[in-house]
């Protein structure tokens, strides 16, 4: 997990070119520059997920979040 968008871009830029394995990265909607960075490294969208709430939606800040699995969120 990265502390901010810039740190995430550095981490992704260091890992992606060095691996031949499949790479999956969850890029938050509020980080289009990170999405563009991933695309420049040859990554392409494969599917999207939808965040759903019961009650009022939580406010999403300028943070990077990680999910353990899609089932756990």
PDB file of N, CA and C in Angstrom:
ATOM      1  N   UNK A   1       0.844  -1.169   0.000  1.00  0.00           N
ATOM      2  CA  UNK A   1       0.000   0.000   0.000  1.00  0.00           C
ATOM      3  C   UNK A   1       0.893   1.238   0.000  1.00  0.00           C
ATOM      4  N   UNK A   2       0.482   2.243  -0.734  1.00  0.00           N
ATOM      5  CA  UNK A   2       1.274   3.465  -0.838  1.00  0.00           C
ATOM      6  C   UNK A   2       0.614   4.599  -0.062  1.00  0.00           C
ATOM      7  N   UNK A   3       1.421   5.533   0.381  1.00  0.00           N
ATOM      8  CA  UNK A   3       0.917   6.635   1.193  1.00  0.00           C
ATOM      9  C   UNK A   3       0.171   7.682   0.377  1.00  0.00           C
ATOM     10  N   UNK A   4       0.526   7.836  -0.889  1.00  0.00           N
ATOM     11  CA  UNK A   4      -0.147   8.817  -1.734  1.00  0.00           C
ATOM     12  C   UNK A   4       0.008   8.419  -3.201  1.00  0.00           C
ATOM     13  N   UNK A   5      -0.555   9.199  -4.098  1.00  0.00           N
ATOM     14  CA  UNK A   5      -0.553   8.882  -5.528  1.00  0.00           C
ATOM     15  C   UNK A   5       0.879   8.820  -6.069  1.00  0.00           C
ATOM     16  N   UNK A   6       1.709   9.773  -5.683  1.00  0.00           N
ATOM     17  CA  UNK A   6       3.093   9.798  -6.173  1.00  0.00           C
ATOM     18  C   UNK A   6       3.858   8.554  -5.723  1.00  0.00           C
ATOM     19  N   UNK A   7       3.691   8.177  -4.462  1.00  0.00           N
ATOM     20  CA  UNK A   7       4.362   6.976  -3.950  1.00  0.00           C
ATOM     21  C   UNK A   7       3.855   5.731  -4.666  1.00  0.00           C
ATOM     22  N   UNK A   8       2.546   5.680  -4.942  1.00  0.00           N
ATOM     23  CA  UNK A   8       1.973   4.538  -5.659  1.00  0.00           C
ATOM     24  C   UNK A   8       2.569   4.447  -7.061  1.00  0.00           C
ATOM     25  N   UNK A   9       2.708   5.576  -7.742  1.00  0.00           N
ATOM     26  CA  UNK A   9       3.274   5.587  -9.089  1.00  0.00           C
ATOM     27  C   UNK A   9       4.714   5.087  -9.081  1.00  0.00           C
ATOM     28  N   UNK A  10       5.488   5.490  -8.093  1.00  0.00           N
ATOM     29  CA  UNK A  10       6.884   5.032  -7.981  1.00  0.00           C
ATOM     30  C   UNK A  10       6.926   3.523  -7.741  1.00  0.00           C
ATOM     31  N   UNK A  11       6.101   3.037  -6.827  1.00  0.00           N
ATOM     32  CA  UNK A  11       6.052   1.608  -6.518  1.00  0.00           C
ATOM     33  C   UNK A  11       5.633   0.793  -7.738  1.00  0.00           C
ATOM     34  N   UNK A  12       4.578   1.220  -8.406  1.00  0.00           N
ATOM     35  CA  UNK A  12       4.094   0.518  -9.600  1.00  0.00           C
ATOM     36  C   UNK A  12       5.144   0.547 -10.704  1.00  0.00           C
ATOM     37  N   UNK A  13       5.785   1.699 -10.892  1.00  0.00           N
ATOM     38  CA  UNK A  13       6.823   1.832 -11.919  1.00  0.00           C
ATOM     39  C   UNK A  13       8.031   0.954 -11.658  1.00  0.00           C
ATOM     40  N   UNK A  14       8.289   0.653 -10.393  1.00  0.00           N
ATOM     41  CA  UNK A  14       9.423  -0.207 -10.048  1.00  0.00           C
ATOM     42  C   UNK A  14       9.089  -1.685 -10.211  1.00  0.00           C
ATOM     43  N   UNK A  15       7.844  -2.061  -9.952  1.00  0.00           N
ATOM     44  CA  UNK A  15       7.462  -3.470  -9.952  1.00  0.00           C
ATOM     45  C   UNK A  15       7.046  -3.973 -11.337  1.00  0.00           C
ATOM     46  N   UNK A  16       6.186  -3.248 -12.017  1.00  0.00           N
ATOM     47  CA  UNK A  16       5.589  -3.730 -13.259  1.00  0.00           C
ATOM     48  C   UNK A  16       6.621  -4.090 -14.328  1.00  0.00           C
ATOM     49  N   UNK A  17       7.593  -3.240 -14.623  1.00  0.00           N
ATOM     50  CA  UNK A  17       8.550  -3.606 -15.679  1.00  0.00           C
ATOM     51  C   UNK A  17       9.437  -4.803 -15.332  1.00  0.00           C
ATOM     52  N   UNK A  18       9.557  -5.137 -14.060  1.00  0.00           N
ATOM     53  CA  UNK A  18      10.462  -6.194 -13.624  1.00  0.00           C
ATOM     54  C   UNK A  18       9.817  -7.566 -13.508  1.00  0.00           C
ATOM     55  N   UNK A  19       8.530  -7.680 -13.770  1.00  0.00           N
ATOM     56  CA  UNK A  19       7.866  -8.970 -13.612  1.00  0.00           C
ATOM     57  C   UNK A  19       7.263  -9.454 -14.921  1.00  0.00           C
ATOM     58  N   UNK A  20       7.245 -10.755 -15.066  1.00  0.00           N
ATOM     59  CA  UNK A  20       6.560 -11.376 -16.207  1.00  0.00           C
ATOM     60  C   UNK A  20       5.228 -11.956 -15.763  1.00  0.00           C
ATOM     61  N   UNK A  21       4.945 -11.873 -14.476  1.00  0.00           N
ATOM     62  CA  UNK A  21       3.696 -12.381 -13.908  1.00  0.00           C
ATOM     63  C   UNK A  21       2.557 -11.405 -14.188  1.00  0.00           C
ATOM     64  N   UNK A  22       1.332 -11.885 -14.040  1.00  0.00           N
ATOM     65  CA  UNK A  22       0.183 -11.005 -14.160  1.00  0.00           C
ATOM     66  C   UNK A  22       0.180 -10.020 -12.996  1.00  0.00           C
ATOM     67  N   UNK A  23      -0.234  -8.800 -13.270  1.00  0.00           N
ATOM     68  CA  UNK A  23      -0.295  -7.753 -12.256  1.00  0.00           C
ATOM     69  C   UNK A  23      -1.713  -7.190 -12.251  1.00  0.00           C
ATOM     70  N   UNK A  24      -2.305  -7.065 -11.064  1.00  0.00           N
ATOM     71  CA  UNK A  24      -3.620  -6.450 -10.916  1.00  0.00           C
ATOM     72  C   UNK A  24      -3.510  -5.316  -9.911  1.00  0.00           C
ATOM     73  N   UNK A  25      -3.981  -4.152 -10.306  1.00  0.00           N
ATOM     74  CA  UNK A  25      -3.904  -2.967  -9.457  1.00  0.00           C
ATOM     75  C   UNK A  25      -5.281  -2.326  -9.406  1.00  0.00           C
ATOM     76  N   UNK A  26      -5.747  -2.019  -8.211  1.00  0.00           N
ATOM     77  CA  UNK A  26      -7.024  -1.333  -8.028  1.00  0.00           C
ATOM     78  C   UNK A  26      -6.743   0.157  -7.941  1.00  0.00           C
ATOM     79  N   UNK A  27      -7.099   0.888  -8.990  1.00  0.00           N
ATOM     80  CA  UNK A  27      -6.851   2.332  -9.034  1.00  0.00           C
ATOM     81  C   UNK A  27      -8.151   3.057  -8.660  1.00  0.00           C
ATOM     82  N   UNK A  28      -8.120   3.885  -7.611  1.00  0.00           N
ATOM     83  CA  UNK A  28      -9.338   4.589  -7.205  1.00  0.00           C
ATOM     84  C   UNK A  28      -9.769   5.623  -8.248  1.00  0.00           C
ATOM     85  N   UNK A  29     -11.083   5.900  -8.293  1.00  0.00           N
ATOM     86  CA  UNK A  29     -11.637   6.859  -9.255  1.00  0.00           C
ATOM     87  C   UNK A  29     -11.005   8.243  -9.146  1.00  0.00           C
ATOM     88  N   UNK A  30     -10.599   8.635  -7.950  1.00  0.00           N
ATOM     89  CA  UNK A  30     -10.069   9.982  -7.761  1.00  0.00           C
ATOM     90  C   UNK A  30      -8.601  10.113  -8.173  1.00  0.00           C
ATOM     91  N   UNK A  31      -8.045   9.083  -8.830  1.00  0.00           N
ATOM     92  CA  UNK A  31      -6.633   9.120  -9.226  1.00  0.00           C
ATOM     93  C   UNK A  31      -6.458   8.854 -10.718  1.00  0.00           C
ATOM     94  N   UNK A  32      -7.039   9.705 -11.589  1.00  0.00           N
ATOM     95  CA  UNK A  32      -6.897   9.465 -13.026  1.00  0.00           C
ATOM     96  C   UNK A  32      -5.445   9.526 -13.498  1.00  0.00           C
ATOM     97  N   UNK A  33      -4.607  10.296 -12.807  1.00  0.00           N
ATOM     98  CA  UNK A  33      -3.194  10.362 -13.196  1.00  0.00           C
ATOM     99  C   UNK A  33      -2.491   9.030 -12.933  1.00  0.00           C
ATOM    100  N   UNK A  34      -2.897   8.331 -11.900  1.00  0.00           N
ATOM    101  CA  UNK A  34      -2.325   7.016 -11.617  1.00  0.00           C
ATOM    102  C   UNK A  34      -2.792   6.010 -12.663  1.00  0.00           C
ATOM    103  N   UNK A  35      -4.051   6.116 -13.070  1.00  0.00           N
ATOM    104  CA  UNK A  35      -4.577   5.259 -14.134  1.00  0.00           C
ATOM    105  C   UNK A  35      -3.795   5.476 -15.427  1.00  0.00           C
ATOM    106  N   UNK A  36      -3.504   6.722 -15.761  1.00  0.00           N
ATOM    107  CA  UNK A  36      -2.727   7.043 -16.963  1.00  0.00           C
ATOM    108  C   UNK A  36      -1.305   6.489 -16.854  1.00  0.00           C
ATOM    109  N   UNK A  37      -0.717   6.566 -15.668  1.00  0.00           N
ATOM    110  CA  UNK A  37       0.629   6.028 -15.430  1.00  0.00           C
ATOM    111  C   UNK A  37       0.640   4.517 -15.659  1.00  0.00           C
ATOM    112  N   UNK A  38      -0.376   3.837 -15.143  1.00  0.00           N
ATOM    113  CA  UNK A  38      -0.476   2.384 -15.330  1.00  0.00           C
ATOM    114  C   UNK A  38      -0.636   2.043 -16.808  1.00  0.00           C
ATOM    115  N   UNK A  39      -1.450   2.801 -17.514  1.00  0.00           N
ATOM    116  CA  UNK A  39      -1.650   2.571 -18.946  1.00  0.00           C
ATOM    117  C   UNK A  39      -0.340   2.756 -19.711  1.00  0.00           C
ATOM    118  N   UNK A  40       0.456   3.748 -19.321  1.00  0.00           N
ATOM    119  CA  UNK A  40       1.747   3.985 -19.974  1.00  0.00           C
ATOM    120  C   UNK A  40       2.712   2.824 -19.752  1.00  0.00           C
ATOM    121  N   UNK A  41       2.509   2.059 -18.678  1.00  0.00           N
ATOM    122  CA  UNK A  41       3.340   0.885 -18.398  1.00  0.00           C
ATOM    123  C   UNK A  41       2.810  -0.376 -19.082  1.00  0.00           C
ATOM    124  N   UNK A  42       1.718  -0.231 -19.848  1.00  0.00           N
ATOM    125  CA  UNK A  42       1.167  -1.362 -20.578  1.00  0.00           C
ATOM    126  C   UNK A  42       0.022  -2.074 -19.887  1.00  0.00           C
ATOM    127  N   UNK A  43      -0.422  -1.564 -18.750  1.00  0.00           N
ATOM    128  CA  UNK A  43      -1.563  -2.168 -18.057  1.00  0.00           C
ATOM    129  C   UNK A  43      -2.858  -1.677 -18.704  1.00  0.00           C
ATOM    130  N   UNK A  44      -3.881  -2.512 -18.688  1.00  0.00           N
ATOM    131  CA  UNK A  44      -5.170  -2.156 -19.273  1.00  0.00           C
ATOM    132  C   UNK A  44      -6.288  -2.552 -18.320  1.00  0.00           C
ATOM    133  N   UNK A  45      -7.391  -1.794 -18.322  1.00  0.00           N
ATOM    134  CA  UNK A  45      -8.524  -2.150 -17.459  1.00  0.00           C
ATOM    135  C   UNK A  45      -9.071  -3.537 -17.811  1.00  0.00           C
ATOM    136  N   UNK A  46      -9.463  -4.276 -16.775  1.00  0.00           N
ATOM    137  CA  UNK A  46     -10.037  -5.597 -17.032  1.00  0.00           C
ATOM    138  C   UNK A  46     -11.479  -5.673 -16.543  1.00  0.00           C
ATOM    139  N   UNK A  47     -11.802  -5.023 -15.432  1.00  0.00           N
ATOM    140  CA  UNK A  47     -13.185  -4.954 -14.952  1.00  0.00           C
ATOM    141  C   UNK A  47     -13.276  -3.840 -13.920  1.00  0.00           C
ATOM    142  N   UNK A  48     -14.488  -3.442 -13.620  1.00  0.00           N
ATOM    143  CA  UNK A  48     -14.715  -2.408 -12.623  1.00  0.00           C
ATOM    144  C   UNK A  48     -15.596  -2.956 -11.512  1.00  0.00           C
ATOM    145  N   UNK A  49     -15.470  -2.368 -10.352  1.00  0.00           N
ATOM    146  CA  UNK A  49     -16.335  -2.728  -9.235  1.00  0.00           C
ATOM    147  C   UNK A  49     -17.138  -1.499  -8.828  1.00  0.00           C
ATOM    148  N   UNK A  50     -18.169  -1.711  -8.068  1.00  0.00           N
ATOM    149  CA  UNK A  50     -19.017  -0.623  -7.594  1.00  0.00           C
ATOM    150  C   UNK A  50     -19.040  -0.641  -6.076  1.00  0.00           C
ATOM    151  N   UNK A  51     -18.786   0.499  -5.493  1.00  0.00           N
ATOM    152  CA  UNK A  51     -18.857   0.619  -4.034  1.00  0.00           C
ATOM    153  C   UNK A  51     -20.308   0.888  -3.672  1.00  0.00           C
ATOM    154  N   UNK A  52     -20.843   0.103  -2.770  1.00  0.00           N
ATOM    155  CA  UNK A  52     -22.242   0.247  -2.388  1.00  0.00           C
ATOM    156  C   UNK A  52     -22.343   0.515  -0.886  1.00  0.00           C
ATOM    157  N   UNK A  53     -23.344   1.291  -0.503  1.00  0.00           N
ATOM    158  CA  UNK A  53     -23.513   1.688   0.891  1.00  0.00           C
ATOM    159  C   UNK A  53     -24.930   1.413   1.353  1.00  0.00           C
ATOM    160  N   UNK A  54     -25.063   1.217   2.612  1.00  0.00           N
ATOM    161  CA  UNK A  54     -26.375   1.211   3.254  1.00  0.00           C
ATOM    162  C   UNK A  54     -26.384   2.455   4.123  1.00  0.00           C
ATOM    163  N   UNK A  55     -27.272   3.383   3.843  1.00  0.00           N
ATOM    164  CA  UNK A  55     -27.261   4.667   4.525  1.00  0.00           C
ATOM    165  C   UNK A  55     -26.451   5.670   3.715  1.00  0.00           C
ATOM    166  N   UNK A  56     -25.998   6.708   4.377  1.00  0.00           N
ATOM    167  CA  UNK A  56     -25.243   7.767   3.698  1.00  0.00           C
ATOM    168  C   UNK A  56     -23.859   7.259   3.284  1.00  0.00           C
ATOM    169  N   UNK A  57     -23.426   7.591   2.061  1.00  0.00           N
ATOM    170  CA  UNK A  57     -22.087   7.184   1.625  1.00  0.00           C
ATOM    171  C   UNK A  57     -21.007   7.825   2.499  1.00  0.00           C
ATOM    172  N   UNK A  58     -19.930   7.089   2.682  1.00  0.00           N
ATOM    173  CA  UNK A  58     -18.778   7.628   3.398  1.00  0.00           C
ATOM    174  C   UNK A  58     -18.069   8.619   2.494  1.00  0.00           C
ATOM    175  N   UNK A  59     -17.444   9.615   3.082  1.00  0.00           N
ATOM    176  CA  UNK A  59     -16.660  10.548   2.284  1.00  0.00           C
ATOM    177  C   UNK A  59     -15.333   9.898   1.938  1.00  0.00           C
ATOM    178  N   UNK A  60     -14.990   9.950   0.659  1.00  0.00           N
ATOM    179  CA  UNK A  60     -13.733   9.374   0.198  1.00  0.00           C
ATOM    180  C   UNK A  60     -12.706  10.482   0.129  1.00  0.00           C
ATOM    181  N   UNK A  61     -11.588  10.312   0.820  1.00  0.00           N
ATOM    182  CA  UNK A  61     -10.543  11.312   0.850  1.00  0.00           C
ATOM    183  C   UNK A  61      -9.466  11.022  -0.170  1.00  0.00           C
ATOM    184  N   UNK A  62      -8.455  11.822  -0.152  1.00  0.00           N
ATOM    185  CA  UNK A  62      -7.319  11.667  -1.062  1.00  0.00           C
ATOM    186  C   UNK A  62      -6.332  10.659  -0.487  1.00  0.00           C
ATOM    187  N   UNK A  63      -6.759   9.446  -0.316  1.00  0.00           N
ATOM    188  CA  UNK A  63      -5.922   8.384   0.214  1.00  0.00           C
ATOM    189  C   UNK A  63      -5.960   7.199  -0.726  1.00  0.00           C
ATOM    190  N   UNK A  64      -4.984   6.352  -0.614  1.00  0.00           N
ATOM    191  CA  UNK A  64      -4.968   5.113  -1.378  1.00  0.00           C
ATOM    192  C   UNK A  64      -5.464   4.020  -0.447  1.00  0.00           C
ATOM    193  N   UNK A  65      -6.411   3.237  -0.910  1.00  0.00           N
ATOM    194  CA  UNK A  65      -6.964   2.154  -0.115  1.00  0.00           C
ATOM    195  C   UNK A  65      -6.574   0.825  -0.734  1.00  0.00           C
ATOM    196  N   UNK A  66      -6.444  -0.180   0.055  1.00  0.00           N
ATOM    197  CA  UNK A  66      -6.146  -1.524  -0.435  1.00  0.00           C
ATOM    198  C   UNK A  66      -7.257  -2.446   0.017  1.00  0.00           C
ATOM    199  N   UNK A  67      -7.577  -3.410  -0.821  1.00  0.00           N
ATOM    200  CA  UNK A  67      -8.570  -4.403  -0.442  1.00  0.00           C
ATOM    201  C   UNK A  67      -7.900  -5.752  -0.294  1.00  0.00           C
ATOM    202  N   UNK A  68      -8.331  -6.483   0.737  1.00  0.00           N
ATOM    203  CA  UNK A  68      -7.802  -7.839   0.919  1.00  0.00           C
ATOM    204  C   UNK A  68      -8.325  -8.757  -0.164  1.00  0.00           C
ATOM    205  N   UNK A  69      -9.606  -8.706  -0.391  1.00  0.00           N
ATOM    206  CA  UNK A  69     -10.277  -9.398  -1.481  1.00  0.00           C
ATOM    207  C   UNK A  69     -11.517  -8.586  -1.805  1.00  0.00           C
ATOM    208  N   UNK A  70     -12.090  -8.814  -2.953  1.00  0.00           N
ATOM    209  CA  UNK A  70     -13.312  -8.098  -3.284  1.00  0.00           C
ATOM    210  C   UNK A  70     -14.438  -8.492  -2.347  1.00  0.00           C
ATOM    211  N   UNK A  71     -14.385  -9.727  -1.825  1.00  0.00           N
ATOM    212  CA  UNK A  71     -15.421 -10.173  -0.909  1.00  0.00           C
ATOM    213  C   UNK A  71     -15.358  -9.447   0.428  1.00  0.00           C
ATOM    214  N   UNK A  72     -14.172  -9.074   0.869  1.00  0.00           N
ATOM    215  CA  UNK A  72     -14.024  -8.395   2.156  1.00  0.00           C
ATOM    216  C   UNK A  72     -14.063  -6.883   2.046  1.00  0.00           C
ATOM    217  N   UNK A  73     -13.734  -6.327   0.856  1.00  0.00           N
ATOM    218  CA  UNK A  73     -13.727  -4.878   0.670  1.00  0.00           C
ATOM    219  C   UNK A  73     -12.565  -4.289   1.287  1.00  0.00           C
TER     220      UNK A  73
END
